[in-house]
Amino acid sequence: MRIVILGIILGIIAVIPFGVWVSMGIFSIWLLYKLSNLDDTQIEVIQKNQYDPEILEQMK
């Protein structure tokens, strides 16, 4: 069963050109990087706003 699945995966990889794989990889890494950075900053800002009225004033 594993050999069949491996064969299907290798077949899909062989059909799609190498350049497409490289660009998809770079794009997915960039997207994950951007999303992780966005989540961190948004969470930090929300937490600071909830606990610190002074930071709210500074942001205005």
PDB file of N, CA and C in Angstrom:
ATOM      1  N   MET A   1       0.838  -1.208   0.000  1.00  0.00           N
ATOM      2  CA  MET A   1       0.000   0.000   0.000  1.00  0.00           C
ATOM      3  C   MET A   1       0.873   1.258   0.000  1.00  0.00           C
ATOM      4  N   ARG A   2       1.922   1.248   0.836  1.00  0.00           N
ATOM      5  CA  ARG A   2       2.800   2.420   0.908  1.00  0.00           C
ATOM      6  C   ARG A   2       3.484   2.665  -0.428  1.00  0.00           C
ATOM      7  N   ILE A   3       3.868   1.584  -1.119  1.00  0.00           N
ATOM      8  CA  ILE A   3       4.559   1.722  -2.411  1.00  0.00           C
ATOM      9  C   ILE A   3       3.641   2.405  -3.423  1.00  0.00           C
ATOM     10  N   VAL A   4       2.350   2.049  -3.394  1.00  0.00           N
ATOM     11  CA  VAL A   4       1.385   2.656  -4.322  1.00  0.00           C
ATOM     12  C   VAL A   4       1.268   4.154  -4.054  1.00  0.00           C
ATOM     13  N   ILE A   5       1.130   4.528  -2.774  1.00  0.00           N
ATOM     14  CA  ILE A   5       1.004   5.945  -2.413  1.00  0.00           C
ATOM     15  C   ILE A   5       2.269   6.698  -2.807  1.00  0.00           C
ATOM     16  N   LEU A   6       3.431   6.081  -2.534  1.00  0.00           N
ATOM     17  CA  LEU A   6       4.706   6.704  -2.889  1.00  0.00           C
ATOM     18  C   LEU A   6       4.800   6.908  -4.399  1.00  0.00           C
ATOM     19  N   GLY A   7       4.355   5.914  -5.154  1.00  0.00           N
ATOM     20  CA  GLY A   7       4.377   6.014  -6.614  1.00  0.00           C
ATOM     21  C   GLY A   7       3.491   7.140  -7.115  1.00  0.00           C
ATOM     22  N   ILE A   8       2.304   7.276  -6.514  1.00  0.00           N
ATOM     23  CA  ILE A   8       1.383   8.357  -6.911  1.00  0.00           C
ATOM     24  C   ILE A   8       2.015   9.717  -6.618  1.00  0.00           C
ATOM     25  N   ILE A   9       2.610   9.848  -5.419  1.00  0.00           N
ATOM     26  CA  ILE A   9       3.232  11.122  -5.038  1.00  0.00           C
ATOM     27  C   ILE A   9       4.382  11.450  -5.984  1.00  0.00           C
ATOM     28  N   LEU A  10       5.234  10.453  -6.272  1.00  0.00           N
ATOM     29  CA  LEU A  10       6.360  10.676  -7.185  1.00  0.00           C
ATOM     30  C   LEU A  10       5.858  11.029  -8.581  1.00  0.00           C
ATOM     31  N   GLY A  11       4.760  10.407  -8.999  1.00  0.00           N
ATOM     32  CA  GLY A  11       4.184  10.724 -10.302  1.00  0.00           C
ATOM     33  C   GLY A  11       3.710  12.162 -10.372  1.00  0.00           C
ATOM     34  N   ILE A  12       3.057  12.630  -9.311  1.00  0.00           N
ATOM     35  CA  ILE A  12       2.585  14.020  -9.266  1.00  0.00           C
ATOM     36  C   ILE A  12       3.782  14.968  -9.298  1.00  0.00           C
ATOM     37  N   ILE A  13       4.827  14.626  -8.510  1.00  0.00           N
ATOM     38  CA  ILE A  13       6.028  15.474  -8.478  1.00  0.00           C
ATOM     39  C   ILE A  13       6.669  15.532  -9.860  1.00  0.00           C
ATOM     40  N   ALA A  14       6.690  14.386 -10.564  1.00  0.00           N
ATOM     41  CA  ALA A  14       7.316  14.334 -11.893  1.00  0.00           C
ATOM     42  C   ALA A  14       6.517  15.149 -12.908  1.00  0.00           C
ATOM     43  N   VAL A  15       5.194  15.160 -12.778  1.00  0.00           N
ATOM     44  CA  VAL A  15       4.345  15.878 -13.744  1.00  0.00           C
ATOM     45  C   VAL A  15       4.529  17.385 -13.609  1.00  0.00           C
ATOM     46  N   ILE A  16       4.571  17.874 -12.365  1.00  0.00           N
ATOM     47  CA  ILE A  16       4.698  19.322 -12.146  1.00  0.00           C
ATOM     48  C   ILE A  16       6.163  19.723 -12.352  1.00  0.00           C
ATOM     49  N   PRO A  17       6.434  20.740 -13.158  1.00  0.00           N
ATOM     50  CA  PRO A  17       7.816  21.167 -13.417  1.00  0.00           C
ATOM     51  C   PRO A  17       8.533  21.630 -12.153  1.00  0.00           C
ATOM     52  N   PHE A  18       9.859  21.500 -12.190  1.00  0.00           N
ATOM     53  CA  PHE A  18      10.674  21.815 -11.006  1.00  0.00           C
ATOM     54  C   PHE A  18      10.550  23.289 -10.616  1.00  0.00           C
ATOM     55  N   GLY A  19      10.490  24.174 -11.611  1.00  0.00           N
ATOM     56  CA  GLY A  19      10.390  25.606 -11.327  1.00  0.00           C
ATOM     57  C   GLY A  19       9.131  25.959 -10.546  1.00  0.00           C
ATOM     58  N   VAL A  20       8.041  25.260 -10.859  1.00  0.00           N
ATOM     59  CA  VAL A  20       6.780  25.494 -10.141  1.00  0.00           C
ATOM     60  C   VAL A  20       6.938  25.085  -8.682  1.00  0.00           C
ATOM     61  N   TRP A  21       7.607  23.946  -8.436  1.00  0.00           N
ATOM     62  CA  TRP A  21       7.831  23.491  -7.058  1.00  0.00           C
ATOM     63  C   TRP A  21       8.659  24.505  -6.285  1.00  0.00           C
ATOM     64  N   VAL A  22       9.713  25.024  -6.920  1.00  0.00           N
ATOM     65  CA  VAL A  22      10.584  25.991  -6.243  1.00  0.00           C
ATOM     66  C   VAL A  22       9.798  27.251  -5.889  1.00  0.00           C
ATOM     67  N   SER A  23       9.032  27.771  -6.856  1.00  0.00           N
ATOM     68  CA  SER A  23       8.280  29.004  -6.607  1.00  0.00           C
ATOM     69  C   SER A  23       7.197  28.780  -5.544  1.00  0.00           C
ATOM     70  N   MET A  24       6.549  27.607  -5.572  1.00  0.00           N
ATOM     71  CA  MET A  24       5.543  27.293  -4.550  1.00  0.00           C
ATOM     72  C   MET A  24       6.184  27.222  -3.175  1.00  0.00           C
ATOM     73  N   GLY A  25       7.366  26.619  -3.095  1.00  0.00           N
ATOM     74  CA  GLY A  25       8.074  26.500  -1.816  1.00  0.00           C
ATOM     75  C   GLY A  25       8.448  27.864  -1.262  1.00  0.00           C
ATOM     76  N   ILE A  26       9.021  28.697  -2.129  1.00  0.00           N
ATOM     77  CA  ILE A  26       9.434  30.041  -1.700  1.00  0.00           C
ATOM     78  C   ILE A  26       8.215  30.842  -1.255  1.00  0.00           C
ATOM     79  N   PHE A  27       7.124  30.765  -2.025  1.00  0.00           N
ATOM     80  CA  PHE A  27       5.915  31.518  -1.692  1.00  0.00           C
ATOM     81  C   PHE A  27       5.317  31.052  -0.364  1.00  0.00           C
ATOM     82  N   SER A  28       5.274  29.717  -0.149  1.00  0.00           N
ATOM     83  CA  SER A  28       4.682  29.194   1.090  1.00  0.00           C
ATOM     84  C   SER A  28       5.525  29.587   2.296  1.00  0.00           C
ATOM     85  N   ILE A  29       6.869  29.554   2.151  1.00  0.00           N
ATOM     86  CA  ILE A  29       7.740  29.962   3.256  1.00  0.00           C
ATOM     87  C   ILE A  29       7.526  31.446   3.557  1.00  0.00           C
ATOM     88  N   TRP A  30       7.461  32.274   2.496  1.00  0.00           N
ATOM     89  CA  TRP A  30       7.254  33.716   2.672  1.00  0.00           C
ATOM     90  C   TRP A  30       5.905  33.983   3.345  1.00  0.00           C
ATOM     91  N   LEU A  31       4.866  33.247   2.902  1.00  0.00           N
ATOM     92  CA  LEU A  31       3.525  33.440   3.449  1.00  0.00           C
ATOM     93  C   LEU A  31       3.486  33.073   4.932  1.00  0.00           C
ATOM     94  N   LEU A  32       4.088  31.926   5.280  1.00  0.00           N
ATOM     95  CA  LEU A  32       4.133  31.505   6.681  1.00  0.00           C
ATOM     96  C   LEU A  32       4.883  32.537   7.517  1.00  0.00           C
ATOM     97  N   TYR A  33       5.995  33.049   6.978  1.00  0.00           N
ATOM     98  CA  TYR A  33       6.796  34.049   7.687  1.00  0.00           C
ATOM     99  C   TYR A  33       5.965  35.305   7.949  1.00  0.00           C
ATOM    100  N   LYS A  34       5.264  35.784   6.917  1.00  0.00           N
ATOM    101  CA  LYS A  34       4.435  36.986   7.056  1.00  0.00           C
ATOM    102  C   LYS A  34       3.304  36.756   8.061  1.00  0.00           C
ATOM    103  N   LEU A  35       2.637  35.599   7.962  1.00  0.00           N
ATOM    104  CA  LEU A  35       1.512  35.308   8.854  1.00  0.00           C
ATOM    105  C   LEU A  35       1.977  35.214  10.300  1.00  0.00           C
ATOM    106  N   SER A  36       3.108  34.565  10.541  1.00  0.00           N
ATOM    107  CA  SER A  36       3.589  34.421  11.913  1.00  0.00           C
ATOM    108  C   SER A  36       3.955  35.790  12.477  1.00  0.00           C
ATOM    109  N   ASN A  37       4.576  36.643  11.666  1.00  0.00           N
ATOM    110  CA  ASN A  37       4.922  37.985  12.132  1.00  0.00           C
ATOM    111  C   ASN A  37       3.672  38.801  12.433  1.00  0.00           C
ATOM    112  N   LEU A  38       2.671  38.728  11.551  1.00  0.00           N
ATOM    113  CA  LEU A  38       1.428  39.468  11.752  1.00  0.00           C
ATOM    114  C   LEU A  38       0.746  39.037  13.042  1.00  0.00           C
ATOM    115  N   ASP A  39       0.651  37.715  13.259  1.00  0.00           N
ATOM    116  CA  ASP A  39      -0.016  37.210  14.457  1.00  0.00           C
ATOM    117  C   ASP A  39       0.673  37.728  15.708  1.00  0.00           C
ATOM    118  N   ASP A  40       2.014  37.684  15.739  1.00  0.00           N
ATOM    119  CA  ASP A  40       2.755  38.124  16.918  1.00  0.00           C
ATOM    120  C   ASP A  40       2.469  39.587  17.222  1.00  0.00           C
ATOM    121  N   THR A  41       2.559  40.457  16.213  1.00  0.00           N
ATOM    122  CA  THR A  41       2.395  41.882  16.472  1.00  0.00           C
ATOM    123  C   THR A  41       0.961  42.190  16.893  1.00  0.00           C
ATOM    124  N   GLN A  42      -0.017  41.578  16.237  1.00  0.00           N
ATOM    125  CA  GLN A  42      -1.413  41.843  16.581  1.00  0.00           C
ATOM    126  C   GLN A  42      -1.715  41.408  18.014  1.00  0.00           C
ATOM    127  N   ILE A  43      -1.235  40.212  18.393  1.00  0.00           N
ATOM    128  CA  ILE A  43      -1.504  39.704  19.738  1.00  0.00           C
ATOM    129  C   ILE A  43      -0.848  40.618  20.771  1.00  0.00           C
ATOM    130  N   GLU A  44       0.411  41.044  20.509  1.00  0.00           N
ATOM    131  CA  GLU A  44       1.108  41.922  21.448  1.00  0.00           C
ATOM    132  C   GLU A  44       0.348  43.229  21.622  1.00  0.00           C
ATOM    133  N   VAL A  45      -0.085  43.831  20.516  1.00  0.00           N
ATOM    134  CA  VAL A  45      -0.786  45.117  20.578  1.00  0.00           C
ATOM    135  C   VAL A  45      -2.089  44.964  21.352  1.00  0.00           C
ATOM    136  N   ILE A  46      -2.840  43.899  21.083  1.00  0.00           N
ATOM    137  CA  ILE A  46      -4.122  43.685  21.763  1.00  0.00           C
ATOM    138  C   ILE A  46      -3.897  43.512  23.263  1.00  0.00           C
ATOM    139  N   GLN A  47      -2.895  42.707  23.644  1.00  0.00           N
ATOM    140  CA  GLN A  47      -2.634  42.472  25.066  1.00  0.00           C
ATOM    141  C   GLN A  47      -2.220  43.768  25.757  1.00  0.00           C
ATOM    142  N   LYS A  48      -1.366  44.548  25.108  1.00  0.00           N
ATOM    143  CA  LYS A  48      -0.915  45.800  25.716  1.00  0.00           C
ATOM    144  C   LYS A  48      -2.086  46.766  25.867  1.00  0.00           C
ATOM    145  N   ASN A  49      -2.966  46.808  24.865  1.00  0.00           N
ATOM    146  CA  ASN A  49      -4.113  47.710  24.941  1.00  0.00           C
ATOM    147  C   ASN A  49      -5.045  47.323  26.080  1.00  0.00           C
ATOM    148  N   GLN A  50      -5.211  46.031  26.306  1.00  0.00           N
ATOM    149  CA  GLN A  50      -6.119  45.592  27.361  1.00  0.00           C
ATOM    150  C   GLN A  50      -5.589  45.971  28.741  1.00  0.00           C
ATOM    151  N   TYR A  51      -4.264  45.876  28.923  1.00  0.00           N
ATOM    152  CA  TYR A  51      -3.718  46.039  30.269  1.00  0.00           C
ATOM    153  C   TYR A  51      -3.144  47.428  30.533  1.00  0.00           C
ATOM    154  N   ASP A  52      -2.829  48.178  29.481  1.00  0.00           N
ATOM    155  CA  ASP A  52      -2.109  49.442  29.658  1.00  0.00           C
ATOM    156  C   ASP A  52      -2.810  50.595  28.947  1.00  0.00           C
ATOM    157  N   PRO A  53      -3.547  51.437  29.643  1.00  0.00           N
ATOM    158  CA  PRO A  53      -4.169  52.599  28.995  1.00  0.00           C
ATOM    159  C   PRO A  53      -3.121  53.592  28.477  1.00  0.00           C
ATOM    160  N   GLU A  54      -1.932  53.633  29.114  1.00  0.00           N
ATOM    161  CA  GLU A  54      -0.880  54.571  28.695  1.00  0.00           C
ATOM    162  C   GLU A  54      -0.426  54.270  27.271  1.00  0.00           C
ATOM    163  N   ILE A  55      -0.309  52.989  26.939  1.00  0.00           N
ATOM    164  CA  ILE A  55       0.144  52.618  25.597  1.00  0.00           C
ATOM    165  C   ILE A  55      -0.913  53.027  24.574  1.00  0.00           C
ATOM    166  N   LEU A  56      -2.185  52.936  24.937  1.00  0.00           N
ATOM    167  CA  LEU A  56      -3.241  53.407  24.032  1.00  0.00           C
ATOM    168  C   LEU A  56      -3.044  54.889  23.718  1.00  0.00           C
ATOM    169  N   GLU A  57      -2.730  55.678  24.732  1.00  0.00           N
ATOM    170  CA  GLU A  57      -2.508  57.112  24.525  1.00  0.00           C
ATOM    171  C   GLU A  57      -1.300  57.341  23.627  1.00  0.00           C
ATOM    172  N   GLN A  58      -0.232  56.574  23.843  1.00  0.00           N
ATOM    173  CA  GLN A  58       0.979  56.726  23.025  1.00  0.00           C
ATOM    174  C   GLN A  58       0.690  56.392  21.569  1.00  0.00           C
ATOM    175  N   MET A  59      -0.144  55.373  21.329  1.00  0.00           N
ATOM    176  CA  MET A  59      -0.430  54.954  19.962  1.00  0.00           C
ATOM    177  C   MET A  59      -1.245  56.021  19.219  1.00  0.00           C
ATOM    178  N   LYS A  60      -2.066  56.776  19.932  1.00  0.00           N
ATOM    179  CA  LYS A  60      -2.839  57.851  19.308  1.00  0.00           C
ATOM    180  C   LYS A  60      -1.904  58.992  18.969  1.00  0.00           C
TER     181      LYS A  60
END
